[in-house]
C-alpha atoms as a PDB file:
ATOM      1  CA  MET A   1      12.828  -9.159 -16.480  1.00  0.00           C
ATOM      2  CA  THR A   2      13.747 -12.361 -14.335  1.00  0.00           C
ATOM      3  CA  LEU A   3      13.041 -13.053 -10.635  1.00  0.00           C
ATOM      4  CA  HIS A   4      16.277 -11.387  -8.924  1.00  0.00           C
ATOM      5  CA  GLU A   5      15.195  -8.497 -11.223  1.00  0.00           C
ATOM      6  CA  LEU A   6      12.134  -8.385  -9.614  1.00  0.00           C
ATOM      7  CA  ARG A   7      13.455  -9.521  -6.259  1.00  0.00           C
ATOM      8  CA  SER A   8      15.838  -6.258  -6.440  1.00  0.00           C
ATOM      9  CA  GLU A   9      12.438  -3.968  -7.529  1.00  0.00           C
ATOM     10  CA  VAL A  10      10.686  -5.130  -5.042  1.00  0.00           C
ATOM     11  CA  GLU A  11      13.284  -4.497  -2.584  1.00  0.00           C
ATOM     12  CA  ALA A  12      13.682  -0.886  -3.681  1.00  0.00           C
ATOM     13  CA  GLU A  13      10.153  -0.208  -3.116  1.00  0.00           C
ATOM     14  CA  THR A  14      10.004  -1.833   0.239  1.00  0.00           C
ATOM     15  CA  ALA A  15      13.118   0.307   1.216  1.00  0.00           C
ATOM     16  CA  ASP A  16      11.167   3.843  -0.302  1.00  0.00           C
ATOM     17  CA  LEU A  17       7.812   2.118   1.890  1.00  0.00           C
ATOM     18  CA  ARG A  18      10.067   2.188   5.409  1.00  0.00           C
ATOM     19  CA  THR A  19      11.018   5.714   4.613  1.00  0.00           C
ATOM     20  CA  VAL A  20       7.321   6.703   3.988  1.00  0.00           C
ATOM     21  CA  LEU A  21       6.680   4.616   7.464  1.00  0.00           C
ATOM     22  CA  SER A  22       9.321   7.240   9.230  1.00  0.00           C
ATOM     23  CA  GLU A  23       8.133   9.616   7.871  1.00  0.00           C
ATOM     24  CA  ILE A  24       4.661   8.861   9.186  1.00  0.00           C
ATOM     25  CA  ASP A  25       6.505   8.363  12.615  1.00  0.00           C
ATOM     26  CA  GLN A  26       7.625  11.518  12.826  1.00  0.00           C
ATOM     27  CA  VAL A  27       4.752  13.736  11.762  1.00  0.00           C
ATOM     28  CA  LEU A  28       2.538  11.825  14.507  1.00  0.00           C
ATOM     29  CA  ALA A  29       5.301  12.394  16.804  1.00  0.00           C
ATOM     30  CA  GLU A  30       4.958  15.948  16.201  1.00  0.00           C
ATOM     31  CA  ALA A  31       1.221  16.113  16.069  1.00  0.00           C
ATOM     32  CA  SER A  32       1.230  14.984  19.513  1.00  0.00           C
ATOM     33  CA  VAL A  33       3.588  17.472  20.853  1.00  0.00           C
ATOM     34  CA  SER A  34       1.719  20.517  18.155  1.00  0.00           C
ATOM     35  CA  GLY A  35      -1.025  19.574  17.123  1.00  0.00           C
ATOM     36  CA  ASP A  36      -2.917  18.782  14.293  1.00  0.00           C
ATOM     37  CA  SER A  37      -2.514  21.669  11.653  1.00  0.00           C
ATOM     38  CA  ALA A  38      -3.837  21.544   8.138  1.00  0.00           C
ATOM     39  CA  ALA A  39      -0.315  21.097   7.105  1.00  0.00           C
ATOM     40  CA  VAL A  40      -0.078  17.688   9.399  1.00  0.00           C
ATOM     41  CA  ARG A  41      -3.555  16.530   8.555  1.00  0.00           C
ATOM     42  CA  ASN A  42      -2.746  16.799   4.714  1.00  0.00           C
ATOM     43  CA  GLY A  43       0.681  15.407   5.350  1.00  0.00           C
ATOM     44  CA  SER A  44       0.276  12.359   7.038  1.00  0.00           C
ATOM     45  CA  ALA A  45      -2.676  11.924   4.551  1.00  0.00           C
ATOM     46  CA  ALA A  46      -0.833  12.220   1.835  1.00  0.00           C
ATOM     47  CA  LEU A  47       2.281   9.822   3.378  1.00  0.00           C
ATOM     48  CA  VAL A  48      -0.719   6.886   4.140  1.00  0.00           C
ATOM     49  CA  ALA A  49      -1.987   7.490   0.597  1.00  0.00           C
ATOM     50  CA  GLN A  50       1.877   7.259  -0.765  1.00  0.00           C
ATOM     51  CA  CYS A  51       2.290   3.604   1.372  1.00  0.00           C
ATOM     52  CA  TYR A  52      -1.234   2.192  -0.790  1.00  0.00           C
ATOM     53  CA  ARG A  53       1.059   3.553  -3.661  1.00  0.00           C
ATOM     54  CA  GLY A  54       4.106   1.539  -2.999  1.00  0.00           C
ATOM     55  CA  MET A  55       2.141  -1.160  -2.802  1.00  0.00           C
ATOM     56  CA  GLU A  56       0.260  -1.003  -5.459  1.00  0.00           C
ATOM     57  CA  ASN A  57       3.861  -0.422  -7.725  1.00  0.00           C
ATOM     58  CA  ILE A  58       4.811  -3.518  -6.517  1.00  0.00           C
ATOM     59  CA  LEU A  59       1.970  -5.469  -7.454  1.00  0.00           C
ATOM     60  CA  LYS A  60       2.244  -3.974 -10.459  1.00  0.00           C
ATOM     61  CA  ARG A  61       5.924  -4.685 -11.028  1.00  0.00           C
ATOM     62  CA  ILE A  62       4.947  -8.437 -10.400  1.00  0.00           C
ATOM     63  CA  ALA A  63       2.213  -8.281 -12.864  1.00  0.00           C
ATOM     64  CA  LYS A  64       4.824  -7.259 -15.123  1.00  0.00           C
ATOM     65  CA  PHE A  65       7.035 -10.379 -14.414  1.00  0.00           C
ATOM     66  CA  GLN A  66       3.687 -12.669 -15.378  1.00  0.00           C
ATOM     67  CA  ALA A  67       3.395 -10.541 -18.256  1.00  0.00           C
ATOM     68  CA  LYS A  68      -0.223  -9.859 -17.083  1.00  0.00           C
ATOM     69  CA  PRO A  69      -1.681  -6.440 -18.303  1.00  0.00           C
ATOM     70  CA  ILE A  70      -2.177  -3.931 -15.772  1.00  0.00           C
ATOM     71  CA  PRO A  71      -5.648  -3.059 -15.609  1.00  0.00           C
ATOM     72  CA  SER A  72      -7.127   0.138 -16.632  1.00  0.00           C
ATOM     73  CA  GLY A  73     -10.375   1.784 -16.370  1.00  0.00           C
ATOM     74  CA  ALA A  74     -12.360   3.732 -13.260  1.00  0.00           C
ATOM     75  CA  ASP A  75     -11.659   1.030 -11.062  1.00  0.00           C
ATOM     76  CA  TRP A  76      -8.247  -0.457 -12.106  1.00  0.00           C
ATOM     77  CA  HIS A  77      -6.789  -0.159  -8.500  1.00  0.00           C
ATOM     78  CA  VAL A  78      -9.786  -2.897  -7.602  1.00  0.00           C
ATOM     79  CA  ALA A  79      -8.999  -4.788 -10.719  1.00  0.00           C
ATOM     80  CA  LEU A  80      -5.079  -4.870  -9.962  1.00  0.00           C
ATOM     81  CA  GLY A  81      -5.951  -6.602  -6.633  1.00  0.00           C
ATOM     82  CA  MET A  82      -8.065  -8.693  -7.543  1.00  0.00           C
ATOM     83  CA  ILE A  83      -5.607 -10.123  -9.758  1.00  0.00           C
ATOM     84  CA  TYR A  84      -3.597 -11.422  -6.503  1.00  0.00           C
ATOM     85  CA  THR A  85      -6.104 -12.094  -4.303  1.00  0.00           C
ATOM     86  CA  VAL A  86      -7.004 -15.684  -3.034  1.00  0.00           C
ATOM     87  CA  ARG A  87     -10.077 -17.310  -5.011  1.00  0.00           C
ATOM     88  CA  ASP A  88     -10.434 -21.059  -5.699  1.00  0.00           C
ATOM     89  CA  ASP A  89      -9.547 -20.204  -9.656  1.00  0.00           C
ATOM     90  CA  ASN A  90      -6.806 -18.630  -9.412  1.00  0.00           C
ATOM     91  CA  PRO A  91      -3.428 -19.944  -8.833  1.00  0.00           C
ATOM     92  CA  ASP A  92      -1.487 -16.661  -8.328  1.00  0.00           C
ATOM     93  CA  GLY A  93      -3.531 -14.926  -5.498  1.00  0.00           C
ATOM     94  CA  PHE A  94      -1.900 -14.472  -2.196  1.00  0.00           C
ATOM     95  CA  ILE A  95      -3.974 -11.437  -0.826  1.00  0.00           C
ATOM     96  CA  GLN A  96      -6.117 -12.755   1.615  1.00  0.00           C
ATOM     97  CA  GLY A  97      -8.108 -12.752   4.853  1.00  0.00           C
ATOM     98  CA  SER A  98      -7.411  -9.559   7.030  1.00  0.00           C
ATOM     99  CA  LEU A  99      -4.961  -8.360   4.386  1.00  0.00           C
ATOM    100  CA  LEU A 100      -7.058  -7.797   1.996  1.00  0.00           C
ATOM    101  CA  GLU A 101      -9.748  -6.077   4.274  1.00  0.00           C
ATOM    102  CA  LYS A 102      -6.818  -3.464   5.835  1.00  0.00           C
ATOM    103  CA  LEU A 103      -5.692  -3.044   1.431  1.00  0.00           C
ATOM    104  CA  THR A 104      -9.271  -1.844   0.939  1.00  0.00           C
ATOM    105  CA  VAL A 105      -9.795   0.295   3.653  1.00  0.00           C
ATOM    106  CA  MET A 106      -6.352   1.933   2.991  1.00  0.00           C
ATOM    107  CA  ARG A 107      -7.220   1.906  -0.571  1.00  0.00           C
ATOM    108  CA  ARG A 108     -10.354   3.842  -0.063  1.00  0.00           C
ATOM    109  CA  PHE A 109      -8.706   6.528   1.573  1.00  0.00           C
ATOM    110  CA  ARG A 110      -6.274   6.546  -0.711  1.00  0.00           C
ATOM    111  CA  HIS A 111      -8.846   7.896  -3.283  1.00  0.00           C
ATOM    112  CA  VAL A 112     -10.729  10.146  -0.867  1.00  0.00           C
ATOM    113  CA  VAL A 113      -7.258  11.438  -0.378  1.00  0.00           C
ATOM    114  CA  HIS A 114      -6.756  11.643  -3.523  1.00  0.00           C
ATOM    115  CA  HIS A 115      -9.859  13.168  -4.949  1.00  0.00           C
ATOM    116  CA  GLY A 116     -10.663  15.038  -2.054  1.00  0.00           C
ATOM    117  CA  TYR A 117      -9.146  17.967   0.658  1.00  0.00           C
ATOM    118  CA  GLY A 118      -6.866  16.943   2.862  1.00  0.00           C
ATOM    119  CA  PHE A 119      -7.974  19.554   5.058  1.00  0.00           C
ATOM    120  CA  LYS A 120     -11.447  18.226   5.068  1.00  0.00           C
ATOM    121  CA  LEU A 121     -10.299  15.122   6.836  1.00  0.00           C
ATOM    122  CA  HIS A 122     -10.412  14.375  10.551  1.00  0.00           C
ATOM    123  CA  TRP A 123      -7.580  14.473  12.571  1.00  0.00           C
ATOM    124  CA  GLY A 124      -9.247  10.963  14.347  1.00  0.00           C
ATOM    125  CA  THR A 125      -9.528   9.275  10.893  1.00  0.00           C
ATOM    126  CA  ILE A 126      -6.066   9.727   9.852  1.00  0.00           C
ATOM    127  CA  GLN A 127      -4.611   9.375  12.649  1.00  0.00           C
ATOM    128  CA  VAL A 128      -5.950   6.103  13.057  1.00  0.00           C
ATOM    129  CA  ALA A 129      -5.094   5.414   9.064  1.00  0.00           C
ATOM    130  CA  ALA A 130      -1.485   6.512   9.752  1.00  0.00           C
ATOM    131  CA  GLN A 131      -1.300   4.476  13.124  1.00  0.00           C
ATOM    132  CA  GLU A 132      -2.321   1.542  10.808  1.00  0.00           C
ATOM    133  CA  ALA A 133       0.000   1.802   7.728  1.00  0.00           C
ATOM    134  CA  ARG A 134       3.368  -0.008   9.271  1.00  0.00           C
ATOM    135  CA  GLY A 135       1.499  -3.224  10.220  1.00  0.00           C
ATOM    136  CA  VAL A 136      -0.730  -3.274   6.775  1.00  0.00           C
ATOM    137  CA  VAL A 137       2.682  -2.696   4.896  1.00  0.00           C
ATOM    138  CA  ASP A 138       4.344  -5.216   6.896  1.00  0.00           C
ATOM    139  CA  LEU A 139       1.641  -8.110   5.918  1.00  0.00           C
ATOM    140  CA  PHE A 140       1.732  -7.115   2.239  1.00  0.00           C
ATOM    141  CA  VAL A 141       5.664  -7.162   2.132  1.00  0.00           C
ATOM    142  CA  ASN A 142       5.552 -10.580   4.663  1.00  0.00           C
ATOM    143  CA  ALA A 143       2.605 -11.794   1.887  1.00  0.00           C
ATOM    144  CA  VAL A 144       4.723 -10.798  -1.176  1.00  0.00           C
ATOM    145  CA  ASN A 145       8.038 -12.125  -0.037  1.00  0.00           C
ATOM    146  CA  GLU A 146       6.975 -15.511   0.657  1.00  0.00           C
ATOM    147  CA  TYR A 147       5.070 -15.306  -2.456  1.00  0.00           C
ATOM    148  CA  LEU A 148       8.227 -14.729  -4.305  1.00  0.00           C
ATOM    149  CA  ASN A 149       9.489 -17.155  -2.395  1.00  0.00           C
ATOM    150  CA  LYS A 150       7.076 -20.216  -4.084  1.00  0.00           C
ATOM    151  CA  LEU A 151       7.645 -18.952  -7.593  1.00  0.00           C
ATOM    152  CA  SER A 152      11.796 -19.793  -7.219  1.00  0.00           C
ATOM    153  CA  GLU A 153      10.650 -22.849  -6.525  1.00  0.00           C
END
């Protein structure tokens, strides 16, 4: 895979993330009018989880470009993020500070949604996650684009 191909794949994934964010906006608007039914809670939670999955997909594409193995095992989600976390011993790190914290919160939310029942989640928890999703995605996409720009230097 070339850097140009990687950029194209990241752009396509980013476009998909933007679509999901628009769907989140729509669900939040509808919920403010009609309330939070079980379907709204499940749908909103699933959309937030899709945002995290999309960001993971971007990390996997970058790892593939760099011929790095995709982690496996029970903690592969954490390990994948650690590949690109800023540390003194990690020249490939671009995830740091508040972005790292926000991704951790979103990853944990995704885990609960994926392994539990959305209807058991409180609307307030889902609503906060849904409202914060756009900011997390924006921070992540900006960090990825800065990193890709450094790769092309």
